[in-house]
Amino acid sequence: MAVAQRRDRAVVFRVTQEEYETLCLVAAKSGARNVSDFVRSTLLAAIGALHPVGPESLTEMSRTLASIKDVVGRVAEKIEQISPENPLKR
C-alpha cells in the first residue's frame, strides 16, 4: 500500500452552488473519496497531460517530431516533383 504524503498546502477557489453540485455528482460517479480528492486528481492529471515530464514523454515527443519531419519531407518531395522551379527553394 502506498504511503500518502501529508498535504499541508491549500488551494482555494470559489464555485457556484450549481458548479459545486456538479462536482459532487461527478466525484461520486468517479469513485473519488470526496470532491477535494476528485478535483485534486483531475487537476493534476490535466497538468500532467499538458506539461508531460520524464523520459517517456520525451521519447514520445521525439517520435512525434520524427513523424512530422518524415511527412514534411514527403510533402517537399511531392512539391519538387510537381514544380521543380518551386519558389519555396531559395
PDB file of N, CA and C in Angstrom:
ATOM      1  N   MET A   1       0.835  -1.176   0.000  1.00  0.00           N
ATOM      2  CA  MET A   1       0.000   0.000   0.000  1.00  0.00           C
ATOM      3  C   MET A   1       0.883   1.242   0.000  1.00  0.00           C
ATOM      4  N   ALA A   2       0.545   2.221  -0.828  1.00  0.00           N
ATOM      5  CA  ALA A   2       1.344   3.427  -0.948  1.00  0.00           C
ATOM      6  C   ALA A   2       1.187   4.296   0.295  1.00  0.00           C
ATOM      7  N   VAL A   3       2.293   4.907   0.684  1.00  0.00           N
ATOM      8  CA  VAL A   3       2.256   5.812   1.821  1.00  0.00           C
ATOM      9  C   VAL A   3       1.825   7.178   1.318  1.00  0.00           C
ATOM     10  N   ALA A   4       0.757   7.714   1.882  1.00  0.00           N
ATOM     11  CA  ALA A   4       0.242   9.007   1.448  1.00  0.00           C
ATOM     12  C   ALA A   4       1.109  10.128   2.014  1.00  0.00           C
ATOM     13  N   GLN A   5       1.448  11.057   1.143  1.00  0.00           N
ATOM     14  CA  GLN A   5       2.189  12.211   1.613  1.00  0.00           C
ATOM     15  C   GLN A   5       1.234  13.170   2.304  1.00  0.00           C
ATOM     16  N   ARG A   6       1.730  13.826   3.310  1.00  0.00           N
ATOM     17  CA  ARG A   6       0.892  14.788   4.026  1.00  0.00           C
ATOM     18  C   ARG A   6       0.636  15.986   3.118  1.00  0.00           C
ATOM     19  N   ARG A   7      -0.596  16.355   3.031  1.00  0.00           N
ATOM     20  CA  ARG A   7      -0.975  17.514   2.220  1.00  0.00           C
ATOM     21  C   ARG A   7      -1.123  18.698   3.165  1.00  0.00           C
ATOM     22  N   ASP A   8      -0.170  19.610   3.105  1.00  0.00           N
ATOM     23  CA  ASP A   8      -0.196  20.729   4.041  1.00  0.00           C
ATOM     24  C   ASP A   8      -0.369  22.086   3.365  1.00  0.00           C
ATOM     25  N   ARG A   9      -0.694  22.071   2.087  1.00  0.00           N
ATOM     26  CA  ARG A   9      -0.947  23.312   1.362  1.00  0.00           C
ATOM     27  C   ARG A   9      -2.386  23.301   0.865  1.00  0.00           C
ATOM     28  N   ALA A  10      -2.999  24.462   0.860  1.00  0.00           N
ATOM     29  CA  ALA A  10      -4.388  24.560   0.410  1.00  0.00           C
ATOM     30  C   ALA A  10      -4.477  25.478  -0.803  1.00  0.00           C
ATOM     31  N   VAL A  11      -5.323  25.088  -1.731  1.00  0.00           N
ATOM     32  CA  VAL A  11      -5.649  25.924  -2.878  1.00  0.00           C
ATOM     33  C   VAL A  11      -7.149  26.166  -2.792  1.00  0.00           C
ATOM     34  N   VAL A  12      -7.530  27.417  -2.816  1.00  0.00           N
ATOM     35  CA  VAL A  12      -8.932  27.757  -2.626  1.00  0.00           C
ATOM     36  C   VAL A  12      -9.455  28.471  -3.859  1.00  0.00           C
ATOM     37  N   PHE A  13     -10.622  28.054  -4.321  1.00  0.00           N
ATOM     38  CA  PHE A  13     -11.312  28.782  -5.375  1.00  0.00           C
ATOM     39  C   PHE A  13     -12.806  28.629  -5.149  1.00  0.00           C
ATOM     40  N   ARG A  14     -13.534  29.626  -5.586  1.00  0.00           N
ATOM     41  CA  ARG A  14     -14.976  29.635  -5.354  1.00  0.00           C
ATOM     42  C   ARG A  14     -15.716  29.093  -6.566  1.00  0.00           C
ATOM     43  N   VAL A  15     -16.821  28.405  -6.293  1.00  0.00           N
ATOM     44  CA  VAL A  15     -17.700  27.892  -7.341  1.00  0.00           C
ATOM     45  C   VAL A  15     -19.136  28.252  -6.972  1.00  0.00           C
ATOM     46  N   THR A  16     -20.002  28.242  -7.968  1.00  0.00           N
ATOM     47  CA  THR A  16     -21.418  28.481  -7.699  1.00  0.00           C
ATOM     48  C   THR A  16     -22.018  27.225  -7.062  1.00  0.00           C
ATOM     49  N   GLN A  17     -23.206  27.352  -6.534  1.00  0.00           N
ATOM     50  CA  GLN A  17     -23.892  26.193  -5.960  1.00  0.00           C
ATOM     51  C   GLN A  17     -24.079  25.110  -7.022  1.00  0.00           C
ATOM     52  N   GLU A  18     -24.455  25.534  -8.228  1.00  0.00           N
ATOM     53  CA  GLU A  18     -24.656  24.587  -9.327  1.00  0.00           C
ATOM     54  C   GLU A  18     -23.343  23.879  -9.685  1.00  0.00           C
ATOM     55  N   GLU A  19     -22.260  24.626  -9.749  1.00  0.00           N
ATOM     56  CA  GLU A  19     -20.958  24.018 -10.054  1.00  0.00           C
ATOM     57  C   GLU A  19     -20.559  23.024  -8.963  1.00  0.00           C
ATOM     58  N   TYR A  20     -20.806  23.387  -7.701  1.00  0.00           N
ATOM     59  CA  TYR A  20     -20.475  22.501  -6.592  1.00  0.00           C
ATOM     60  C   TYR A  20     -21.279  21.205  -6.658  1.00  0.00           C
ATOM     61  N   GLU A  21     -22.554  21.321  -6.947  1.00  0.00           N
ATOM     62  CA  GLU A  21     -23.398  20.129  -7.052  1.00  0.00           C
ATOM     63  C   GLU A  21     -22.914  19.226  -8.192  1.00  0.00           C
ATOM     64  N   THR A  22     -22.529  19.845  -9.298  1.00  0.00           N
ATOM     65  CA  THR A  22     -21.993  19.072 -10.426  1.00  0.00           C
ATOM     66  C   THR A  22     -20.706  18.363 -10.017  1.00  0.00           C
ATOM     67  N   LEU A  23     -19.814  19.080  -9.327  1.00  0.00           N
ATOM     68  CA  LEU A  23     -18.569  18.462  -8.854  1.00  0.00           C
ATOM     69  C   LEU A  23     -18.867  17.281  -7.922  1.00  0.00           C
ATOM     70  N   CYS A  24     -19.834  17.452  -7.036  1.00  0.00           N
ATOM     71  CA  CYS A  24     -20.201  16.369  -6.117  1.00  0.00           C
ATOM     72  C   CYS A  24     -20.696  15.136  -6.872  1.00  0.00           C
ATOM     73  N   LEU A  25     -21.552  15.348  -7.858  1.00  0.00           N
ATOM     74  CA  LEU A  25     -22.089  14.227  -8.645  1.00  0.00           C
ATOM     75  C   LEU A  25     -20.986  13.510  -9.411  1.00  0.00           C
ATOM     76  N   VAL A  26     -20.159  14.289 -10.082  1.00  0.00           N
ATOM     77  CA  VAL A  26     -19.095  13.688 -10.892  1.00  0.00           C
ATOM     78  C   VAL A  26     -18.077  12.988  -9.997  1.00  0.00           C
ATOM     79  N   ALA A  27     -17.758  13.592  -8.859  1.00  0.00           N
ATOM     80  CA  ALA A  27     -16.818  12.970  -7.924  1.00  0.00           C
ATOM     81  C   ALA A  27     -17.354  11.626  -7.441  1.00  0.00           C
ATOM     82  N   ALA A  28     -18.629  11.594  -7.093  1.00  0.00           N
ATOM     83  CA  ALA A  28     -19.245  10.347  -6.618  1.00  0.00           C
ATOM     84  C   ALA A  28     -19.239   9.289  -7.713  1.00  0.00           C
ATOM     85  N   LYS A  29     -19.582   9.690  -8.944  1.00  0.00           N
ATOM     86  CA  LYS A  29     -19.602   8.736 -10.056  1.00  0.00           C
ATOM     87  C   LYS A  29     -18.214   8.212 -10.386  1.00  0.00           C
ATOM     88  N   SER A  30     -17.194   9.027 -10.157  1.00  0.00           N
ATOM     89  CA  SER A  30     -15.829   8.611 -10.487  1.00  0.00           C
ATOM     90  C   SER A  30     -15.229   7.718  -9.409  1.00  0.00           C
ATOM     91  N   GLY A  31     -15.889   7.660  -8.255  1.00  0.00           N
ATOM     92  CA  GLY A  31     -15.391   6.818  -7.169  1.00  0.00           C
ATOM     93  C   GLY A  31     -14.419   7.538  -6.245  1.00  0.00           C
ATOM     94  N   ALA A  32     -14.278   8.847  -6.411  1.00  0.00           N
ATOM     95  CA  ALA A  32     -13.392   9.613  -5.538  1.00  0.00           C
ATOM     96  C   ALA A  32     -13.946   9.611  -4.111  1.00  0.00           C
ATOM     97  N   ARG A  33     -13.047   9.729  -3.135  1.00  0.00           N
ATOM     98  CA  ARG A  33     -13.487   9.758  -1.738  1.00  0.00           C
ATOM     99  C   ARG A  33     -14.315  10.991  -1.427  1.00  0.00           C
ATOM    100  N   ASN A  34     -13.957  12.107  -2.059  1.00  0.00           N
ATOM    101  CA  ASN A  34     -14.673  13.359  -1.830  1.00  0.00           C
ATOM    102  C   ASN A  34     -14.371  14.321  -2.974  1.00  0.00           C
ATOM    103  N   VAL A  35     -14.991  15.488  -2.947  1.00  0.00           N
ATOM    104  CA  VAL A  35     -14.811  16.478  -4.016  1.00  0.00           C
ATOM    105  C   VAL A  35     -13.355  16.932  -4.071  1.00  0.00           C
ATOM    106  N   SER A  36     -12.756  17.124  -2.925  1.00  0.00           N
ATOM    107  CA  SER A  36     -11.371  17.581  -2.873  1.00  0.00           C
ATOM    108  C   SER A  36     -10.434  16.607  -3.591  1.00  0.00           C
ATOM    109  N   ASP A  37     -10.568  15.314  -3.295  1.00  0.00           N
ATOM    110  CA  ASP A  37      -9.731  14.307  -3.968  1.00  0.00           C
ATOM    111  C   ASP A  37      -9.995  14.290  -5.470  1.00  0.00           C
ATOM    112  N   PHE A  38     -11.259  14.414  -5.838  1.00  0.00           N
ATOM    113  CA  PHE A  38     -11.608  14.410  -7.256  1.00  0.00           C
ATOM    114  C   PHE A  38     -10.978  15.596  -7.984  1.00  0.00           C
ATOM    115  N   VAL A  39     -11.159  16.794  -7.426  1.00  0.00           N
ATOM    116  CA  VAL A  39     -10.624  17.996  -8.070  1.00  0.00           C
ATOM    117  C   VAL A  39      -9.101  17.927  -8.132  1.00  0.00           C
ATOM    118  N   ARG A  40      -8.461  17.506  -7.023  1.00  0.00           N
ATOM    119  CA  ARG A  40      -7.000  17.411  -6.990  1.00  0.00           C
ATOM    120  C   ARG A  40      -6.493  16.452  -8.063  1.00  0.00           C
ATOM    121  N   SER A  41      -7.035  15.259  -8.128  1.00  0.00           N
ATOM    122  CA  SER A  41      -6.543  14.268  -9.088  1.00  0.00           C
ATOM    123  C   SER A  41      -6.838  14.689 -10.527  1.00  0.00           C
ATOM    124  N   THR A  42      -7.996  15.291 -10.752  1.00  0.00           N
ATOM    125  CA  THR A  42      -8.342  15.744 -12.101  1.00  0.00           C
ATOM    126  C   THR A  42      -7.425  16.872 -12.546  1.00  0.00           C
ATOM    127  N   LEU A  43      -7.189  17.824 -11.671  1.00  0.00           N
ATOM    128  CA  LEU A  43      -6.326  18.952 -11.994  1.00  0.00           C
ATOM    129  C   LEU A  43      -4.891  18.493 -12.239  1.00  0.00           C
ATOM    130  N   LEU A  44      -4.378  17.655 -11.368  1.00  0.00           N
ATOM    131  CA  LEU A  44      -3.007  17.182 -11.539  1.00  0.00           C
ATOM    132  C   LEU A  44      -2.859  16.330 -12.795  1.00  0.00           C
ATOM    133  N   ALA A  45      -3.879  15.547 -13.122  1.00  0.00           N
ATOM    134  CA  ALA A  45      -3.837  14.755 -14.355  1.00  0.00           C
ATOM    135  C   ALA A  45      -3.839  15.672 -15.573  1.00  0.00           C
ATOM    136  N   ALA A  46      -4.625  16.728 -15.530  1.00  0.00           N
ATOM    137  CA  ALA A  46      -4.670  17.677 -16.650  1.00  0.00           C
ATOM    138  C   ALA A  46      -3.336  18.380 -16.813  1.00  0.00           C
ATOM    139  N   ILE A  47      -2.720  18.764 -15.723  1.00  0.00           N
ATOM    140  CA  ILE A  47      -1.418  19.414 -15.799  1.00  0.00           C
ATOM    141  C   ILE A  47      -0.387  18.450 -16.358  1.00  0.00           C
ATOM    142  N   GLY A  48      -0.444  17.201 -15.925  1.00  0.00           N
ATOM    143  CA  GLY A  48       0.491  16.200 -16.440  1.00  0.00           C
ATOM    144  C   GLY A  48       0.310  15.979 -17.925  1.00  0.00           C
ATOM    145  N   ALA A  49      -0.934  16.024 -18.394  1.00  0.00           N
ATOM    146  CA  ALA A  49      -1.199  15.837 -19.819  1.00  0.00           C
ATOM    147  C   ALA A  49      -0.725  17.025 -20.630  1.00  0.00           C
ATOM    148  N   LEU A  50      -0.837  18.208 -20.059  1.00  0.00           N
ATOM    149  CA  LEU A  50      -0.433  19.404 -20.791  1.00  0.00           C
ATOM    150  C   LEU A  50       1.069  19.638 -20.735  1.00  0.00           C
ATOM    151  N   HIS A  51       1.685  19.263 -19.636  1.00  0.00           N
ATOM    152  CA  HIS A  51       3.104  19.505 -19.448  1.00  0.00           C
ATOM    153  C   HIS A  51       3.807  18.219 -19.007  1.00  0.00           C
ATOM    154  N   PRO A  52       3.859  17.258 -19.917  1.00  0.00           N
ATOM    155  CA  PRO A  52       4.480  15.996 -19.508  1.00  0.00           C
ATOM    156  C   PRO A  52       5.973  16.163 -19.239  1.00  0.00           C
ATOM    157  N   VAL A  53       6.456  15.451 -18.264  1.00  0.00           N
ATOM    158  CA  VAL A  53       7.868  15.476 -17.949  1.00  0.00           C
ATOM    159  C   VAL A  53       8.343  14.049 -17.759  1.00  0.00           C
ATOM    160  N   GLY A  54       9.560  13.797 -18.131  1.00  0.00           N
ATOM    161  CA  GLY A  54      10.119  12.478 -17.933  1.00  0.00           C
ATOM    162  C   GLY A  54      10.518  11.834 -19.238  1.00  0.00           C
ATOM    163  N   PRO A  55      11.291  10.773 -19.128  1.00  0.00           N
ATOM    164  CA  PRO A  55      11.833  10.116 -20.318  1.00  0.00           C
ATOM    165  C   PRO A  55      10.767   9.571 -21.262  1.00  0.00           C
ATOM    166  N   GLU A  56       9.660   9.068 -20.708  1.00  0.00           N
ATOM    167  CA  GLU A  56       8.618   8.507 -21.568  1.00  0.00           C
ATOM    168  C   GLU A  56       8.028   9.582 -22.464  1.00  0.00           C
ATOM    169  N   SER A  57       7.727  10.734 -21.893  1.00  0.00           N
ATOM    170  CA  SER A  57       7.126  11.799 -22.695  1.00  0.00           C
ATOM    171  C   SER A  57       8.133  12.379 -23.677  1.00  0.00           C
ATOM    172  N   LEU A  58       9.406  12.423 -23.305  1.00  0.00           N
ATOM    173  CA  LEU A  58      10.426  12.912 -24.234  1.00  0.00           C
ATOM    174  C   LEU A  58      10.594  11.945 -25.406  1.00  0.00           C
ATOM    175  N   THR A  59      10.522  10.657 -25.133  1.00  0.00           N
ATOM    176  CA  THR A  59      10.600   9.661 -26.192  1.00  0.00           C
ATOM    177  C   THR A  59       9.418   9.804 -27.131  1.00  0.00           C
ATOM    178  N   GLU A  60       8.236   9.964 -26.581  1.00  0.00           N
ATOM    179  CA  GLU A  60       7.034  10.137 -27.398  1.00  0.00           C
ATOM    180  C   GLU A  60       7.134  11.413 -28.225  1.00  0.00           C
ATOM    181  N   MET A  61       7.638  12.484 -27.624  1.00  0.00           N
ATOM    182  CA  MET A  61       7.800  13.736 -28.352  1.00  0.00           C
ATOM    183  C   MET A  61       8.789  13.563 -29.504  1.00  0.00           C
ATOM    184  N   SER A  62       9.876  12.831 -29.271  1.00  0.00           N
ATOM    185  CA  SER A  62      10.859  12.573 -30.320  1.00  0.00           C
ATOM    186  C   SER A  62      10.238  11.779 -31.468  1.00  0.00           C
ATOM    187  N   ARG A  63       9.423  10.792 -31.128  1.00  0.00           N
ATOM    188  CA  ARG A  63       8.740  10.002 -32.166  1.00  0.00           C
ATOM    189  C   ARG A  63       7.799  10.888 -32.986  1.00  0.00           C
ATOM    190  N   THR A  64       7.062  11.743 -32.306  1.00  0.00           N
ATOM    191  CA  THR A  64       6.138  12.640 -32.995  1.00  0.00           C
ATOM    192  C   THR A  64       6.888  13.587 -33.914  1.00  0.00           C
ATOM    193  N   LEU A  65       7.971  14.163 -33.419  1.00  0.00           N
ATOM    194  CA  LEU A  65       8.765  15.073 -34.246  1.00  0.00           C
ATOM    195  C   LEU A  65       9.368  14.350 -35.448  1.00  0.00           C
ATOM    196  N   ALA A  66       9.839  13.126 -35.256  1.00  0.00           N
ATOM    197  CA  ALA A  66      10.388  12.354 -36.372  1.00  0.00           C
ATOM    198  C   ALA A  66       9.302  12.072 -37.407  1.00  0.00           C
ATOM    199  N   SER A  67       8.107  11.769 -36.942  1.00  0.00           N
ATOM    200  CA  SER A  67       6.993  11.522 -37.846  1.00  0.00           C
ATOM    201  C   SER A  67       6.638  12.776 -38.635  1.00  0.00           C
ATOM    202  N   ILE A  68       6.606  13.902 -37.951  1.00  0.00           N
ATOM    203  CA  ILE A  68       6.318  15.176 -38.623  1.00  0.00           C
ATOM    204  C   ILE A  68       7.399  15.484 -39.648  1.00  0.00           C
ATOM    205  N   LYS A  69       8.646  15.263 -39.286  1.00  0.00           N
ATOM    206  CA  LYS A  69       9.767  15.503 -40.207  1.00  0.00           C
ATOM    207  C   LYS A  69       9.615  14.636 -41.452  1.00  0.00           C
ATOM    208  N   ASP A  70       9.226  13.390 -41.266  1.00  0.00           N
ATOM    209  CA  ASP A  70       9.030  12.476 -42.389  1.00  0.00           C
ATOM    210  C   ASP A  70       7.920  12.974 -43.313  1.00  0.00           C
ATOM    211  N   VAL A  71       6.811  13.385 -42.732  1.00  0.00           N
ATOM    212  CA  VAL A  71       5.681  13.877 -43.526  1.00  0.00           C
ATOM    213  C   VAL A  71       6.079  15.145 -44.282  1.00  0.00           C
ATOM    214  N   VAL A  72       6.744  16.062 -43.615  1.00  0.00           N
ATOM    215  CA  VAL A  72       7.175  17.298 -44.269  1.00  0.00           C
ATOM    216  C   VAL A  72       8.136  16.971 -45.408  1.00  0.00           C
ATOM    217  N   GLY A  73       9.021  16.019 -45.218  1.00  0.00           N
ATOM    218  CA  GLY A  73       9.952  15.606 -46.276  1.00  0.00           C
ATOM    219  C   GLY A  73       9.218  15.057 -47.490  1.00  0.00           C
ATOM    220  N   ARG A  74       8.199  14.220 -47.237  1.00  0.00           N
ATOM    221  CA  ARG A  74       7.426  13.671 -48.355  1.00  0.00           C
ATOM    222  C   ARG A  74       6.646  14.760 -49.089  1.00  0.00           C
ATOM    223  N   VAL A  75       6.103  15.707 -48.347  1.00  0.00           N
ATOM    224  CA  VAL A  75       5.385  16.819 -48.974  1.00  0.00           C
ATOM    225  C   VAL A  75       6.355  17.637 -49.828  1.00  0.00           C
ATOM    226  N   ALA A  76       7.545  17.891 -49.316  1.00  0.00           N
ATOM    227  CA  ALA A  76       8.547  18.648 -50.074  1.00  0.00           C
ATOM    228  C   ALA A  76       8.931  17.917 -51.360  1.00  0.00           C
ATOM    229  N   GLU A  77       9.056  16.596 -51.280  1.00  0.00           N
ATOM    230  CA  GLU A  77       9.372  15.809 -52.481  1.00  0.00           C
ATOM    231  C   GLU A  77       8.249  15.929 -53.512  1.00  0.00           C
ATOM    232  N   LYS A  78       7.010  15.847 -53.064  1.00  0.00           N
ATOM    233  CA  LYS A  78       5.866  15.979 -53.981  1.00  0.00           C
ATOM    234  C   LYS A  78       5.854  17.354 -54.629  1.00  0.00           C
ATOM    235  N   ILE A  79       6.125  18.388 -53.857  1.00  0.00           N
ATOM    236  CA  ILE A  79       6.167  19.743 -54.409  1.00  0.00           C
ATOM    237  C   ILE A  79       7.271  19.832 -55.455  1.00  0.00           C
ATOM    238  N   GLU A  80       8.410  19.254 -55.175  1.00  0.00           N
ATOM    239  CA  GLU A  80       9.540  19.267 -56.112  1.00  0.00           C
ATOM    240  C   GLU A  80       9.173  18.536 -57.405  1.00  0.00           C
ATOM    241  N   GLN A  81       8.446  17.426 -57.298  1.00  0.00           N
ATOM    242  CA  GLN A  81       8.034  16.684 -58.488  1.00  0.00           C
ATOM    243  C   GLN A  81       7.063  17.493 -59.338  1.00  0.00           C
ATOM    244  N   ILE A  82       6.161  18.199 -58.686  1.00  0.00           N
ATOM    245  CA  ILE A  82       5.151  18.981 -59.399  1.00  0.00           C
ATOM    246  C   ILE A  82       5.763  20.223 -60.023  1.00  0.00           C
ATOM    247  N   SER A  83       6.624  20.883 -59.291  1.00  0.00           N
ATOM    248  CA  SER A  83       7.183  22.153 -59.739  1.00  0.00           C
ATOM    249  C   SER A  83       8.659  22.226 -59.369  1.00  0.00           C
ATOM    250  N   PRO A  84       9.542  21.737 -60.250  1.00  0.00           N
ATOM    251  CA  PRO A  84      10.979  21.752 -59.938  1.00  0.00           C
ATOM    252  C   PRO A  84      11.521  23.159 -59.691  1.00  0.00           C
ATOM    253  N   GLU A  85      10.885  24.157 -60.238  1.00  0.00           N
ATOM    254  CA  GLU A  85      11.344  25.539 -60.027  1.00  0.00           C
ATOM    255  C   GLU A  85      10.498  26.218 -58.959  1.00  0.00           C
ATOM    256  N   ASN A  86      10.176  25.509 -57.961  1.00  0.00           N
ATOM    257  CA  ASN A  86       9.254  25.995 -56.938  1.00  0.00           C
ATOM    258  C   ASN A  86       9.877  27.147 -56.130  1.00  0.00           C
ATOM    259  N   PRO A  87       9.090  28.144 -55.835  1.00  0.00           N
ATOM    260  CA  PRO A  87       9.593  29.318 -55.114  1.00  0.00           C
ATOM    261  C   PRO A  87       9.974  29.035 -53.658  1.00  0.00           C
ATOM    262  N   LEU A  88       9.621  27.860 -53.145  1.00  0.00           N
ATOM    263  CA  LEU A  88       9.977  27.528 -51.768  1.00  0.00           C
ATOM    264  C   LEU A  88      11.460  27.202 -51.636  1.00  0.00           C
ATOM    265  N   LYS A  89      12.120  26.872 -52.752  1.00  0.00           N
ATOM    266  CA  LYS A  89      13.539  26.529 -52.731  1.00  0.00           C
ATOM    267  C   LYS A  89      14.344  27.789 -52.998  1.00  0.00           C
ATOM    268  N   ARG A  90      14.724  28.495 -51.994  1.00  0.00           N
ATOM    269  CA  ARG A  90      15.509  29.711 -52.135  1.00  0.00           C
ATOM    270  C   ARG A  90      16.794  29.577 -51.405  1.00  0.00           C
TER     271      ARG A  90
END
